[in-house]
Structures are given as structure tokens and as C-alpha cells.
Amino acid sequence: MTADAVELSQFPELADRFQVGAVPTVLMRSPSREATLAGALPEPMLLGRLLRLSLGDQD
């Protein structure tokens, strides 16, 4: 798993490409699916969603 942080004001084309309208936004991608979470999440909730995504479970 990898993670990147991007300052969207410096890269507006990425905001358009991934339809990001709120900050923070977490875009999680796996070979089989993609999930977007807008807004700050408590760490346990974020970790739970990452785990479910990695296992291929639906939210």
C-alpha cells in the first residue's frame, strides 16, 4: 500500500481528474474498486475502511 499527499491548489488538474471538492479527501484504490472519503475521519474508522478495501469488502 502506498500513500501520497497532494496540495490541490498547486495541482488543480488532479482535483478535476478525481472530482475532489472537499479537503481532506482520501481516495482509496485497489485493482477491483475505488472508494472516496471526504472530510476528516477518526483514525480507527479510516483504518477499518482501508482494511475492508484491501480485503475487497464493500462499505
PDB file of N, CA and C in Angstrom:
ATOM      1  N   MET A   1       0.854  -1.164   0.000  1.00  0.00           N
ATOM      2  CA  MET A   1       0.000   0.000   0.000  1.00  0.00           C
ATOM      3  C   MET A   1       0.900   1.227   0.000  1.00  0.00           C
ATOM      4  N   THR A   2       0.504   2.217  -0.736  1.00  0.00           N
ATOM      5  CA  THR A   2       1.235   3.476  -0.765  1.00  0.00           C
ATOM      6  C   THR A   2       0.274   4.626  -0.519  1.00  0.00           C
ATOM      7  N   ALA A   3       0.818   5.747  -0.110  1.00  0.00           N
ATOM      8  CA  ALA A   3       0.003   6.939   0.123  1.00  0.00           C
ATOM      9  C   ALA A   3       0.763   8.148  -0.379  1.00  0.00           C
ATOM     10  N   ASP A   4       0.028   9.110  -0.877  1.00  0.00           N
ATOM     11  CA  ASP A   4       0.595  10.374  -1.314  1.00  0.00           C
ATOM     12  C   ASP A   4      -0.287  11.499  -0.809  1.00  0.00           C
ATOM     13  N   ALA A   5       0.311  12.612  -0.480  1.00  0.00           N
ATOM     14  CA  ALA A   5      -0.418  13.832  -0.125  1.00  0.00           C
ATOM     15  C   ALA A   5      -0.161  14.851  -1.221  1.00  0.00           C
ATOM     16  N   VAL A   6      -1.219  15.518  -1.649  1.00  0.00           N
ATOM     17  CA  VAL A   6      -1.104  16.469  -2.750  1.00  0.00           C
ATOM     18  C   VAL A   6      -1.776  17.768  -2.341  1.00  0.00           C
ATOM     19  N   GLU A   7      -1.107  18.875  -2.562  1.00  0.00           N
ATOM     20  CA  GLU A   7      -1.690  20.200  -2.352  1.00  0.00           C
ATOM     21  C   GLU A   7      -2.448  20.557  -3.633  1.00  0.00           C
ATOM     22  N   LEU A   8      -3.777  20.452  -3.555  1.00  0.00           N
ATOM     23  CA  LEU A   8      -4.582  20.596  -4.768  1.00  0.00           C
ATOM     24  C   LEU A   8      -4.560  22.000  -5.345  1.00  0.00           C
ATOM     25  N   SER A   9      -4.256  23.007  -4.532  1.00  0.00           N
ATOM     26  CA  SER A   9      -4.167  24.354  -5.099  1.00  0.00           C
ATOM     27  C   SER A   9      -2.973  24.465  -6.043  1.00  0.00           C
ATOM     28  N   GLN A  10      -1.984  23.594  -5.872  1.00  0.00           N
ATOM     29  CA  GLN A  10      -0.829  23.576  -6.760  1.00  0.00           C
ATOM     30  C   GLN A  10      -1.034  22.635  -7.950  1.00  0.00           C
ATOM     31  N   PHE A  11      -2.000  21.706  -7.824  1.00  0.00           N
ATOM     32  CA  PHE A  11      -2.270  20.724  -8.879  1.00  0.00           C
ATOM     33  C   PHE A  11      -3.772  20.624  -9.137  1.00  0.00           C
ATOM     34  N   PRO A  12      -4.395  21.705  -9.610  1.00  0.00           N
ATOM     35  CA  PRO A  12      -5.853  21.691  -9.798  1.00  0.00           C
ATOM     36  C   PRO A  12      -6.316  20.637 -10.791  1.00  0.00           C
ATOM     37  N   GLU A  13      -5.445  20.223 -11.708  1.00  0.00           N
ATOM     38  CA  GLU A  13      -5.849  19.184 -12.669  1.00  0.00           C
ATOM     39  C   GLU A  13      -6.129  17.863 -11.950  1.00  0.00           C
ATOM     40  N   LEU A  14      -5.450  17.600 -10.841  1.00  0.00           N
ATOM     41  CA  LEU A  14      -5.744  16.388 -10.066  1.00  0.00           C
ATOM     42  C   LEU A  14      -7.094  16.492  -9.363  1.00  0.00           C
ATOM     43  N   ALA A  15      -7.409  17.675  -8.857  1.00  0.00           N
ATOM     44  CA  ALA A  15      -8.724  17.880  -8.242  1.00  0.00           C
ATOM     45  C   ALA A  15      -9.823  17.613  -9.259  1.00  0.00           C
ATOM     46  N   ASP A  16      -9.642  18.097 -10.467  1.00  0.00           N
ATOM     47  CA  ASP A  16     -10.630  17.855 -11.527  1.00  0.00           C
ATOM     48  C   ASP A  16     -10.685  16.377 -11.898  1.00  0.00           C
ATOM     49  N   ARG A  17      -9.536  15.782 -12.078  1.00  0.00           N
ATOM     50  CA  ARG A  17      -9.475  14.374 -12.506  1.00  0.00           C
ATOM     51  C   ARG A  17     -10.178  13.442 -11.528  1.00  0.00           C
ATOM     52  N   PHE A  18      -9.970  13.689 -10.213  1.00  0.00           N
ATOM     53  CA  PHE A  18     -10.537  12.803  -9.203  1.00  0.00           C
ATOM     54  C   PHE A  18     -11.776  13.396  -8.540  1.00  0.00           C
ATOM     55  N   GLN A  19     -12.290  14.501  -9.070  1.00  0.00           N
ATOM     56  CA  GLN A  19     -13.515  15.139  -8.596  1.00  0.00           C
ATOM     57  C   GLN A  19     -13.469  15.425  -7.101  1.00  0.00           C
ATOM     58  N   VAL A  20     -12.386  16.037  -6.674  1.00  0.00           N
ATOM     59  CA  VAL A  20     -12.209  16.388  -5.261  1.00  0.00           C
ATOM     60  C   VAL A  20     -12.765  17.782  -5.037  1.00  0.00           C
ATOM     61  N   GLY A  21     -13.714  17.887  -4.095  1.00  0.00           N
ATOM     62  CA  GLY A  21     -14.312  19.176  -3.781  1.00  0.00           C
ATOM     63  C   GLY A  21     -14.173  19.563  -2.332  1.00  0.00           C
ATOM     64  N   ALA A  22     -13.727  18.650  -1.494  1.00  0.00           N
ATOM     65  CA  ALA A  22     -13.575  18.917  -0.066  1.00  0.00           C
ATOM     66  C   ALA A  22     -12.178  18.512   0.367  1.00  0.00           C
ATOM     67  N   VAL A  23     -11.699  19.176   1.407  1.00  0.00           N
ATOM     68  CA  VAL A  23     -10.380  18.859   1.949  1.00  0.00           C
ATOM     69  C   VAL A  23     -10.565  18.564   3.430  1.00  0.00           C
ATOM     70  N   PRO A  24     -10.052  17.480   3.959  1.00  0.00           N
ATOM     71  CA  PRO A  24      -9.286  16.464   3.250  1.00  0.00           C
ATOM     72  C   PRO A  24     -10.188  15.484   2.509  1.00  0.00           C
ATOM     73  N   THR A  25      -9.669  14.908   1.463  1.00  0.00           N
ATOM     74  CA  THR A  25     -10.318  13.822   0.732  1.00  0.00           C
ATOM     75  C   THR A  25      -9.330  12.676   0.630  1.00  0.00           C
ATOM     76  N   VAL A  26      -9.799  11.482   0.944  1.00  0.00           N
ATOM     77  CA  VAL A  26      -8.975  10.283   0.828  1.00  0.00           C
ATOM     78  C   VAL A  26      -9.537   9.460  -0.323  1.00  0.00           C
ATOM     79  N   LEU A  27      -8.711   9.202  -1.305  1.00  0.00           N
ATOM     80  CA  LEU A  27      -9.092   8.366  -2.446  1.00  0.00           C
ATOM     81  C   LEU A  27      -8.361   7.044  -2.281  1.00  0.00           C
ATOM     82  N   MET A  28      -9.115   5.978  -2.082  1.00  0.00           N
ATOM     83  CA  MET A  28      -8.528   4.653  -1.889  1.00  0.00           C
ATOM     84  C   MET A  28      -8.820   3.833  -3.129  1.00  0.00           C
ATOM     85  N   ARG A  29      -7.781   3.231  -3.676  1.00  0.00           N
ATOM     86  CA  ARG A  29      -7.943   2.451  -4.902  1.00  0.00           C
ATOM     87  C   ARG A  29      -7.307   1.089  -4.738  1.00  0.00           C
ATOM     88  N   SER A  30      -7.991   0.099  -5.248  1.00  0.00           N
ATOM     89  CA  SER A  30      -7.458  -1.255  -5.334  1.00  0.00           C
ATOM     90  C   SER A  30      -7.688  -1.703  -6.768  1.00  0.00           C
ATOM     91  N   PRO A  31      -7.115  -2.836  -7.167  1.00  0.00           N
ATOM     92  CA  PRO A  31      -7.344  -3.287  -8.549  1.00  0.00           C
ATOM     93  C   PRO A  31      -8.823  -3.479  -8.889  1.00  0.00           C
ATOM     94  N   SER A  32      -9.640  -3.792  -7.887  1.00  0.00           N
ATOM     95  CA  SER A  32     -11.032  -4.120  -8.178  1.00  0.00           C
ATOM     96  C   SER A  32     -12.036  -3.016  -7.844  1.00  0.00           C
ATOM     97  N   ARG A  33     -11.626  -2.016  -7.065  1.00  0.00           N
ATOM     98  CA  ARG A  33     -12.593  -0.970  -6.719  1.00  0.00           C
ATOM     99  C   ARG A  33     -11.913   0.289  -6.245  1.00  0.00           C
ATOM    100  N   GLU A  34     -12.734   1.311  -6.065  1.00  0.00           N
ATOM    101  CA  GLU A  34     -12.260   2.618  -5.636  1.00  0.00           C
ATOM    102  C   GLU A  34     -13.251   3.177  -4.634  1.00  0.00           C
ATOM    103  N   ALA A  35     -12.759   3.852  -3.615  1.00  0.00           N
ATOM    104  CA  ALA A  35     -13.622   4.481  -2.625  1.00  0.00           C
ATOM    105  C   ALA A  35     -13.087   5.872  -2.327  1.00  0.00           C
ATOM    106  N   THR A  36     -13.990   6.814  -2.120  1.00  0.00           N
ATOM    107  CA  THR A  36     -13.606   8.186  -1.791  1.00  0.00           C
ATOM    108  C   THR A  36     -14.253   8.562  -0.476  1.00  0.00           C
ATOM    109  N   LEU A  37     -13.445   9.110   0.425  1.00  0.00           N
ATOM    110  CA  LEU A  37     -13.924   9.570   1.721  1.00  0.00           C
ATOM    111  C   LEU A  37     -13.623  11.051   1.835  1.00  0.00           C
ATOM    112  N   ALA A  38     -14.649  11.867   1.989  1.00  0.00           N
ATOM    113  CA  ALA A  38     -14.460  13.309   2.114  1.00  0.00           C
ATOM    114  C   ALA A  38     -14.587  13.708   3.575  1.00  0.00           C
ATOM    115  N   GLY A  39     -13.687  14.569   4.013  1.00  0.00           N
ATOM    116  CA  GLY A  39     -13.707  15.055   5.387  1.00  0.00           C
ATOM    117  C   GLY A  39     -12.767  14.258   6.272  1.00  0.00           C
ATOM    118  N   ALA A  40     -12.494  14.824   7.429  1.00  0.00           N
ATOM    119  CA  ALA A  40     -11.599  14.170   8.382  1.00  0.00           C
ATOM    120  C   ALA A  40     -12.317  13.001   9.049  1.00  0.00           C
ATOM    121  N   LEU A  41     -11.624  11.889   9.183  1.00  0.00           N
ATOM    122  CA  LEU A  41     -12.170  10.705   9.840  1.00  0.00           C
ATOM    123  C   LEU A  41     -11.307  10.357  11.042  1.00  0.00           C
ATOM    124  N   PRO A  42     -11.924   9.824  12.092  1.00  0.00           N
ATOM    125  CA  PRO A  42     -11.117   9.310  13.192  1.00  0.00           C
ATOM    126  C   PRO A  42     -10.235   8.166  12.692  1.00  0.00           C
ATOM    127  N   GLU A  43      -9.039   8.062  13.228  1.00  0.00           N
ATOM    128  CA  GLU A  43      -8.085   7.062  12.758  1.00  0.00           C
ATOM    129  C   GLU A  43      -8.650   5.646  12.741  1.00  0.00           C
ATOM    130  N   PRO A  44      -9.366   5.184  13.786  1.00  0.00           N
ATOM    131  CA  PRO A  44      -9.900   3.814  13.735  1.00  0.00           C
ATOM    132  C   PRO A  44     -10.852   3.595  12.559  1.00  0.00           C
ATOM    133  N   MET A  45     -11.656   4.602  12.231  1.00  0.00           N
ATOM    134  CA  MET A  45     -12.589   4.470  11.110  1.00  0.00           C
ATOM    135  C   MET A  45     -11.826   4.406   9.788  1.00  0.00           C
ATOM    136  N   LEU A  46     -10.823   5.266   9.624  1.00  0.00           N
ATOM    137  CA  LEU A  46     -10.015   5.256   8.406  1.00  0.00           C
ATOM    138  C   LEU A  46      -9.307   3.924   8.246  1.00  0.00           C
ATOM    139  N   LEU A  47      -8.706   3.419   9.301  1.00  0.00           N
ATOM    140  CA  LEU A  47      -8.004   2.141   9.233  1.00  0.00           C
ATOM    141  C   LEU A  47      -8.956   0.998   8.910  1.00  0.00           C
ATOM    142  N   GLY A  48     -10.154   1.027   9.488  1.00  0.00           N
ATOM    143  CA  GLY A  48     -11.148   0.000   9.196  1.00  0.00           C
ATOM    144  C   GLY A  48     -11.548   0.001   7.731  1.00  0.00           C
ATOM    145  N   ARG A  49     -11.741   1.179   7.171  1.00  0.00           N
ATOM    146  CA  ARG A  49     -12.119   1.261   5.757  1.00  0.00           C
ATOM    147  C   ARG A  49     -10.973   0.819   4.848  1.00  0.00           C
ATOM    148  N   LEU A  50      -9.743   1.175   5.211  1.00  0.00           N
ATOM    149  CA  LEU A  50      -8.595   0.711   4.431  1.00  0.00           C
ATOM    150  C   LEU A  50      -8.488  -0.806   4.463  1.00  0.00           C
ATOM    151  N   LEU A  51      -8.707  -1.389   5.620  1.00  0.00           N
ATOM    152  CA  LEU A  51      -8.652  -2.844   5.750  1.00  0.00           C
ATOM    153  C   LEU A  51      -9.733  -3.503   4.912  1.00  0.00           C
ATOM    154  N   ARG A  52     -10.954  -2.990   4.989  1.00  0.00           N
ATOM    155  CA  ARG A  52     -12.044  -3.566   4.192  1.00  0.00           C
ATOM    156  C   ARG A  52     -11.756  -3.446   2.707  1.00  0.00           C
ATOM    157  N   LEU A  53     -11.206  -2.313   2.285  1.00  0.00           N
ATOM    158  CA  LEU A  53     -10.863  -2.145   0.873  1.00  0.00           C
ATOM    159  C   LEU A  53      -9.806  -3.151   0.460  1.00  0.00           C
ATOM    160  N   SER A  54      -8.793  -3.339   1.300  1.00  0.00           N
ATOM    161  CA  SER A  54      -7.713  -4.264   0.942  1.00  0.00           C
ATOM    162  C   SER A  54      -8.223  -5.699   0.865  1.00  0.00           C
ATOM    163  N   LEU A  55      -9.275  -6.013   1.616  1.00  0.00           N
ATOM    164  CA  LEU A  55      -9.844  -7.362   1.595  1.00  0.00           C
ATOM    165  C   LEU A  55     -10.916  -7.526   0.515  1.00  0.00           C
ATOM    166  N   GLY A  56     -11.272  -6.421  -0.129  1.00  0.00           N
ATOM    167  CA  GLY A  56     -12.268  -6.483  -1.194  1.00  0.00           C
ATOM    168  C   GLY A  56     -13.694  -6.400  -0.698  1.00  0.00           C
ATOM    169  N   ASP A  57     -13.901  -6.069   0.581  1.00  0.00           N
ATOM    170  CA  ASP A  57     -15.248  -5.953   1.131  1.00  0.00           C
ATOM    171  C   ASP A  57     -15.870  -4.634   0.715  1.00  0.00           C
ATOM    172  N   GLN A  58     -17.181  -4.598   0.668  1.00  0.00           N
ATOM    173  CA  GLN A  58     -17.912  -3.380   0.354  1.00  0.00           C
ATOM    174  C   GLN A  58     -18.135  -2.600   1.640  1.00  0.00           C
ATOM    175  N   ASP A  59     -18.202  -1.249   1.534  1.00  0.00           N
ATOM    176  CA  ASP A  59     -18.525  -0.399   2.694  1.00  0.00           C
ATOM    177  C   ASP A  59     -19.987  -0.479   3.003  1.00  0.00           C
TER     178      ASP A  59
END
